[in-house]
Amino acid sequence: MLNLLAIWIVNALALLALPWVLPSIQVAGFGTALLLAVVLGLINTLLRPLLILLTLPVTLLTLGLFIFVINAVLFQLAGVLVDGFQVGNFWSALLGSIAYSLISWLLSAILLRK
């Protein structure tokens, strides 16, 4: 349980770092980042597998690169669902989803190593 809480906080910190990397993405505060981390987790758990399955032919034709498009669309969806989180456009969502993954991975490696 404590590990899940630590991952949640690390993901929120990664979301707070995004506006420094990409100015077209805005996060209102830490509370918004915590809520956004939960929403992104739920979206990635519930919708992402379904979208990957439905777009499997396109994903195979693009050698897996279409998954980046799916991630960007889901990142934009989180921007629509959570007040206080704004994503400028599709390219911002694409770069933001990549940057979020990298920052979250880096923070997890530094803060949560065993």
N, C-alpha and C. Protein backbone atom coordinates (compact mmCIF):
# COMPACT_ATOMS: atom_id res chain seq x y z
N MET A 1 0.82 -1.19 0.00
CA MET A 1 0.00 0.00 0.00
C MET A 1 0.87 1.26 0.00
N LEU A 2 1.93 1.21 0.79
CA LEU A 2 2.83 2.35 0.86
C LEU A 2 3.55 2.57 -0.47
N ASN A 3 3.87 1.48 -1.15
CA ASN A 3 4.52 1.56 -2.45
C ASN A 3 3.60 2.23 -3.48
N LEU A 4 2.32 1.90 -3.45
CA LEU A 4 1.35 2.51 -4.36
C LEU A 4 1.24 4.02 -4.11
N LEU A 5 1.23 4.41 -2.85
CA LEU A 5 1.19 5.82 -2.50
C LEU A 5 2.44 6.55 -2.98
N ALA A 6 3.60 5.92 -2.85
CA ALA A 6 4.85 6.52 -3.29
C ALA A 6 4.86 6.69 -4.81
N ILE A 7 4.38 5.71 -5.54
CA ILE A 7 4.31 5.80 -7.01
C ILE A 7 3.34 6.91 -7.41
N TRP A 8 2.23 7.03 -6.71
CA TRP A 8 1.25 8.07 -7.00
C TRP A 8 1.87 9.46 -6.84
N ILE A 9 2.62 9.66 -5.76
CA ILE A 9 3.25 10.95 -5.51
C ILE A 9 4.35 11.22 -6.53
N VAL A 10 5.12 10.21 -6.89
CA VAL A 10 6.17 10.38 -7.91
C VAL A 10 5.55 10.77 -9.25
N ASN A 11 4.44 10.14 -9.62
CA ASN A 11 3.77 10.50 -10.87
C ASN A 11 3.22 11.92 -10.81
N ALA A 12 2.71 12.34 -9.67
CA ALA A 12 2.24 13.72 -9.52
C ALA A 12 3.40 14.71 -9.64
N LEU A 13 4.55 14.37 -9.07
CA LEU A 13 5.72 15.24 -9.20
C LEU A 13 6.18 15.33 -10.65
N ALA A 14 6.10 14.20 -11.37
CA ALA A 14 6.46 14.20 -12.80
C ALA A 14 5.51 15.10 -13.58
N LEU A 15 4.24 15.08 -13.24
CA LEU A 15 3.27 15.95 -13.91
C LEU A 15 3.52 17.42 -13.58
N LEU A 16 3.97 17.70 -12.37
CA LEU A 16 4.29 19.09 -12.00
C LEU A 16 5.52 19.59 -12.74
N ALA A 17 6.41 18.70 -13.14
CA ALA A 17 7.63 19.09 -13.86
C ALA A 17 7.36 19.35 -15.34
N LEU A 18 6.26 18.85 -15.87
CA LEU A 18 5.98 18.99 -17.30
C LEU A 18 5.94 20.43 -17.81
N PRO A 19 5.30 21.38 -17.11
CA PRO A 19 5.28 22.75 -17.64
C PRO A 19 6.66 23.37 -17.79
N TRP A 20 7.64 22.92 -17.04
CA TRP A 20 9.00 23.43 -17.20
C TRP A 20 9.64 22.90 -18.48
N VAL A 21 9.26 21.69 -18.86
CA VAL A 21 9.80 21.08 -20.07
C VAL A 21 9.04 21.56 -21.30
N LEU A 22 7.72 21.60 -21.20
CA LEU A 22 6.86 22.01 -22.32
C LEU A 22 5.92 23.12 -21.84
N PRO A 23 6.17 24.36 -22.23
CA PRO A 23 5.34 25.47 -21.77
C PRO A 23 3.89 25.40 -22.25
N SER A 24 3.59 24.59 -23.26
CA SER A 24 2.22 24.50 -23.76
C SER A 24 1.35 23.57 -22.91
N ILE A 25 1.94 22.98 -21.88
CA ILE A 25 1.20 22.15 -20.93
C ILE A 25 1.19 22.88 -19.59
N GLN A 26 0.00 22.99 -18.99
CA GLN A 26 -0.15 23.70 -17.72
C GLN A 26 -0.79 22.80 -16.68
N VAL A 27 -0.22 22.80 -15.48
CA VAL A 27 -0.78 22.08 -14.33
C VAL A 27 -0.97 23.11 -13.23
N ALA A 28 -2.19 23.23 -12.71
CA ALA A 28 -2.53 24.29 -11.76
C ALA A 28 -1.79 24.16 -10.43
N GLY A 29 -1.62 22.97 -9.92
CA GLY A 29 -0.98 22.81 -8.62
C GLY A 29 -0.81 21.35 -8.27
N PHE A 30 -0.34 21.11 -7.04
CA PHE A 30 -0.06 19.74 -6.61
C PHE A 30 -1.35 18.92 -6.49
N GLY A 31 -2.41 19.52 -6.01
CA GLY A 31 -3.68 18.81 -5.91
C GLY A 31 -4.19 18.37 -7.28
N THR A 32 -4.05 19.26 -8.25
CA THR A 32 -4.43 18.92 -9.62
C THR A 32 -3.56 17.80 -10.15
N ALA A 33 -2.27 17.85 -9.84
CA ALA A 33 -1.35 16.80 -10.29
C ALA A 33 -1.70 15.45 -9.67
N LEU A 34 -2.10 15.45 -8.39
CA LEU A 34 -2.50 14.19 -7.74
C LEU A 34 -3.75 13.62 -8.41
N LEU A 35 -4.74 14.48 -8.65
CA LEU A 35 -5.96 14.03 -9.32
C LEU A 35 -5.65 13.55 -10.73
N LEU A 36 -4.81 14.27 -11.42
CA LEU A 36 -4.44 13.92 -12.78
C LEU A 36 -3.71 12.58 -12.83
N ALA A 37 -2.87 12.30 -11.85
CA ALA A 37 -2.16 11.02 -11.80
C ALA A 37 -3.16 9.87 -11.67
N VAL A 38 -4.20 10.06 -10.87
CA VAL A 38 -5.23 9.03 -10.72
C VAL A 38 -6.01 8.87 -12.02
N VAL A 39 -6.40 9.99 -12.64
CA VAL A 39 -7.17 9.94 -13.89
C VAL A 39 -6.35 9.27 -14.99
N LEU A 40 -5.07 9.64 -15.12
CA LEU A 40 -4.23 9.01 -16.13
C LEU A 40 -4.06 7.51 -15.86
N GLY A 41 -3.93 7.16 -14.60
CA GLY A 41 -3.83 5.74 -14.26
C GLY A 41 -5.09 4.97 -14.65
N LEU A 42 -6.25 5.55 -14.37
CA LEU A 42 -7.51 4.89 -14.73
C LEU A 42 -7.69 4.82 -16.24
N ILE A 43 -7.36 5.90 -16.94
CA ILE A 43 -7.47 5.91 -18.40
C ILE A 43 -6.55 4.86 -19.00
N ASN A 44 -5.32 4.80 -18.51
CA ASN A 44 -4.36 3.83 -19.05
C ASN A 44 -4.72 2.39 -18.70
N THR A 45 -5.43 2.21 -17.61
CA THR A 45 -5.85 0.87 -17.21
C THR A 45 -7.09 0.41 -17.97
N LEU A 46 -8.04 1.31 -18.17
CA LEU A 46 -9.32 0.92 -18.75
C LEU A 46 -9.41 1.12 -20.27
N LEU A 47 -8.98 2.28 -20.76
CA LEU A 47 -9.17 2.60 -22.17
C LEU A 47 -8.01 2.19 -23.07
N ARG A 48 -6.79 2.32 -22.59
CA ARG A 48 -5.62 2.06 -23.44
C ARG A 48 -5.60 0.65 -24.01
N PRO A 49 -5.84 -0.40 -23.22
CA PRO A 49 -5.82 -1.75 -23.82
C PRO A 49 -6.89 -1.93 -24.90
N LEU A 50 -8.06 -1.35 -24.69
CA LEU A 50 -9.13 -1.44 -25.68
C LEU A 50 -8.74 -0.74 -26.97
N LEU A 51 -8.17 0.47 -26.84
CA LEU A 51 -7.75 1.21 -28.03
C LEU A 51 -6.61 0.51 -28.77
N ILE A 52 -5.71 -0.06 -28.03
CA ILE A 52 -4.61 -0.79 -28.68
C ILE A 52 -5.15 -2.00 -29.44
N LEU A 53 -6.11 -2.68 -28.85
CA LEU A 53 -6.70 -3.84 -29.51
C LEU A 53 -7.47 -3.42 -30.76
N LEU A 54 -8.23 -2.34 -30.67
CA LEU A 54 -9.02 -1.88 -31.82
C LEU A 54 -8.16 -1.34 -32.96
N THR A 55 -7.01 -0.80 -32.62
CA THR A 55 -6.14 -0.23 -33.65
C THR A 55 -4.95 -1.14 -33.97
N LEU A 56 -5.06 -2.40 -33.65
CA LEU A 56 -3.96 -3.34 -33.86
C LEU A 56 -3.46 -3.38 -35.30
N PRO A 57 -4.33 -3.40 -36.32
CA PRO A 57 -3.80 -3.41 -37.69
C PRO A 57 -2.95 -2.17 -38.01
N VAL A 58 -3.40 -0.99 -37.58
CA VAL A 58 -2.63 0.23 -37.83
C VAL A 58 -1.33 0.20 -37.05
N THR A 59 -1.39 -0.31 -35.83
CA THR A 59 -0.19 -0.40 -35.00
C THR A 59 0.83 -1.33 -35.64
N LEU A 60 0.36 -2.43 -36.18
CA LEU A 60 1.28 -3.35 -36.85
C LEU A 60 1.88 -2.74 -38.11
N LEU A 61 1.05 -2.03 -38.88
CA LEU A 61 1.55 -1.39 -40.11
C LEU A 61 2.60 -0.32 -39.82
N THR A 62 2.46 0.37 -38.70
CA THR A 62 3.40 1.42 -38.34
C THR A 62 4.51 0.91 -37.42
N LEU A 63 4.59 -0.40 -37.27
CA LEU A 63 5.61 -1.04 -36.44
C LEU A 63 5.57 -0.55 -34.99
N GLY A 64 4.37 -0.31 -34.49
CA GLY A 64 4.18 0.07 -33.10
C GLY A 64 4.19 1.56 -32.82
N LEU A 65 4.50 2.36 -33.81
CA LEU A 65 4.57 3.81 -33.58
C LEU A 65 3.21 4.44 -33.34
N PHE A 66 2.14 3.78 -33.77
CA PHE A 66 0.79 4.33 -33.55
C PHE A 66 0.44 4.36 -32.07
N ILE A 67 1.13 3.59 -31.25
CA ILE A 67 0.88 3.62 -29.80
C ILE A 67 1.21 5.00 -29.24
N PHE A 68 2.17 5.70 -29.83
CA PHE A 68 2.46 7.07 -29.40
C PHE A 68 1.25 7.97 -29.65
N VAL A 69 0.56 7.75 -30.75
CA VAL A 69 -0.64 8.53 -31.06
C VAL A 69 -1.73 8.23 -30.04
N ILE A 70 -1.91 6.97 -29.71
CA ILE A 70 -2.89 6.58 -28.70
C ILE A 70 -2.57 7.25 -27.36
N ASN A 71 -1.30 7.23 -26.98
CA ASN A 71 -0.89 7.87 -25.72
C ASN A 71 -1.19 9.36 -25.74
N ALA A 72 -0.93 10.01 -26.87
CA ALA A 72 -1.19 11.45 -26.97
C ALA A 72 -2.68 11.75 -26.86
N VAL A 73 -3.51 10.94 -27.50
CA VAL A 73 -4.96 11.15 -27.44
C VAL A 73 -5.46 10.95 -26.02
N LEU A 74 -4.96 9.95 -25.33
CA LEU A 74 -5.38 9.71 -23.95
C LEU A 74 -4.88 10.82 -23.02
N PHE A 75 -3.71 11.37 -23.31
CA PHE A 75 -3.17 12.49 -22.54
C PHE A 75 -4.06 13.72 -22.72
N GLN A 76 -4.50 13.95 -23.96
CA GLN A 76 -5.43 15.06 -24.22
C GLN A 76 -6.77 14.82 -23.55
N LEU A 77 -7.24 13.57 -23.52
CA LEU A 77 -8.49 13.24 -22.85
C LEU A 77 -8.40 13.59 -21.36
N ALA A 78 -7.26 13.30 -20.75
CA ALA A 78 -7.08 13.66 -19.35
C ALA A 78 -7.14 15.17 -19.17
N GLY A 79 -6.63 15.91 -20.16
CA GLY A 79 -6.71 17.37 -20.11
C GLY A 79 -8.14 17.88 -20.18
N VAL A 80 -8.99 17.15 -20.89
CA VAL A 80 -10.40 17.53 -20.97
C VAL A 80 -11.12 17.19 -19.66
N LEU A 81 -10.77 16.09 -19.05
CA LEU A 81 -11.48 15.61 -17.87
C LEU A 81 -11.09 16.33 -16.58
N VAL A 82 -9.86 16.80 -16.47
CA VAL A 82 -9.38 17.38 -15.22
C VAL A 82 -9.25 18.89 -15.37
N ASP A 83 -9.99 19.63 -14.54
CA ASP A 83 -9.85 21.08 -14.52
C ASP A 83 -8.49 21.44 -13.93
N GLY A 84 -7.85 22.43 -14.50
CA GLY A 84 -6.54 22.84 -14.01
C GLY A 84 -5.40 22.20 -14.77
N PHE A 85 -5.70 21.35 -15.73
CA PHE A 85 -4.69 20.73 -16.57
C PHE A 85 -5.02 21.05 -18.02
N GLN A 86 -4.11 21.71 -18.70
CA GLN A 86 -4.36 22.11 -20.07
C GLN A 86 -3.22 21.64 -20.96
N VAL A 87 -3.60 21.10 -22.11
CA VAL A 87 -2.65 20.67 -23.12
C VAL A 87 -2.92 21.50 -24.36
N GLY A 88 -1.87 22.13 -24.90
CA GLY A 88 -2.04 23.05 -26.01
C GLY A 88 -2.63 22.44 -27.27
N ASN A 89 -2.00 21.42 -27.81
CA ASN A 89 -2.45 20.80 -29.06
C ASN A 89 -1.98 19.35 -29.10
N PHE A 90 -2.19 18.70 -30.23
CA PHE A 90 -1.84 17.29 -30.35
C PHE A 90 -0.34 17.08 -30.16
N TRP A 91 0.48 17.92 -30.77
CA TRP A 91 1.93 17.75 -30.67
C TRP A 91 2.41 17.96 -29.25
N SER A 92 1.79 18.87 -28.54
CA SER A 92 2.11 19.06 -27.12
C SER A 92 1.74 17.82 -26.33
N ALA A 93 0.60 17.23 -26.67
CA ALA A 93 0.18 16.00 -25.98
C ALA A 93 1.13 14.86 -26.29
N LEU A 94 1.58 14.76 -27.53
CA LEU A 94 2.52 13.70 -27.91
C LEU A 94 3.84 13.86 -27.16
N LEU A 95 4.41 15.05 -27.22
CA LEU A 95 5.67 15.30 -26.50
C LEU A 95 5.47 15.23 -24.99
N GLY A 96 4.31 15.69 -24.52
CA GLY A 96 4.03 15.64 -23.09
C GLY A 96 3.91 14.23 -22.56
N SER A 97 3.28 13.35 -23.32
CA SER A 97 3.16 11.96 -22.87
C SER A 97 4.52 11.27 -22.84
N ILE A 98 5.37 11.60 -23.80
CA ILE A 98 6.73 11.03 -23.81
C ILE A 98 7.54 11.60 -22.65
N ALA A 99 7.49 12.92 -22.47
CA ALA A 99 8.24 13.56 -21.39
C ALA A 99 7.74 13.08 -20.02
N TYR A 100 6.43 12.93 -19.87
CA TYR A 100 5.87 12.43 -18.61
C TYR A 100 6.39 11.04 -18.29
N SER A 101 6.43 10.18 -19.29
CA SER A 101 6.94 8.82 -19.08
C SER A 101 8.41 8.84 -18.67
N LEU A 102 9.20 9.65 -19.35
CA LEU A 102 10.63 9.71 -19.03
C LEU A 102 10.89 10.31 -17.66
N ILE A 103 10.19 11.40 -17.33
CA ILE A 103 10.38 12.04 -16.03
C ILE A 103 9.92 11.12 -14.91
N SER A 104 8.79 10.46 -15.11
CA SER A 104 8.27 9.53 -14.10
C SER A 104 9.24 8.37 -13.89
N TRP A 105 9.78 7.85 -14.99
CA TRP A 105 10.74 6.75 -14.89
C TRP A 105 11.99 7.20 -14.14
N LEU A 106 12.49 8.39 -14.48
CA LEU A 106 13.70 8.90 -13.85
C LEU A 106 13.48 9.14 -12.35
N LEU A 107 12.37 9.78 -12.00
CA LEU A 107 12.07 10.02 -10.58
C LEU A 107 11.89 8.70 -9.82
N SER A 108 11.22 7.73 -10.44
CA SER A 108 11.05 6.43 -9.80
C SER A 108 12.39 5.75 -9.57
N ALA A 109 13.28 5.85 -10.55
CA ALA A 109 14.60 5.22 -10.42
C ALA A 109 15.41 5.88 -9.31
N ILE A 110 15.28 7.19 -9.17
CA ILE A 110 16.06 7.90 -8.16
C ILE A 110 15.44 7.75 -6.76
N LEU A 111 14.12 7.96 -6.66
CA LEU A 111 13.48 8.02 -5.35
C LEU A 111 13.00 6.68 -4.80
N LEU A 112 12.69 5.75 -5.68
CA LEU A 112 12.07 4.49 -5.22
C LEU A 112 12.97 3.27 -5.38
N ARG A 113 14.25 3.48 -5.55
CA ARG A 113 15.13 2.32 -5.69
C ARG A 113 15.22 1.58 -4.36
N LYS A 114 15.41 0.28 -4.47
CA LYS A 114 15.42 -0.55 -3.26
C LYS A 114 16.80 -1.04 -2.95
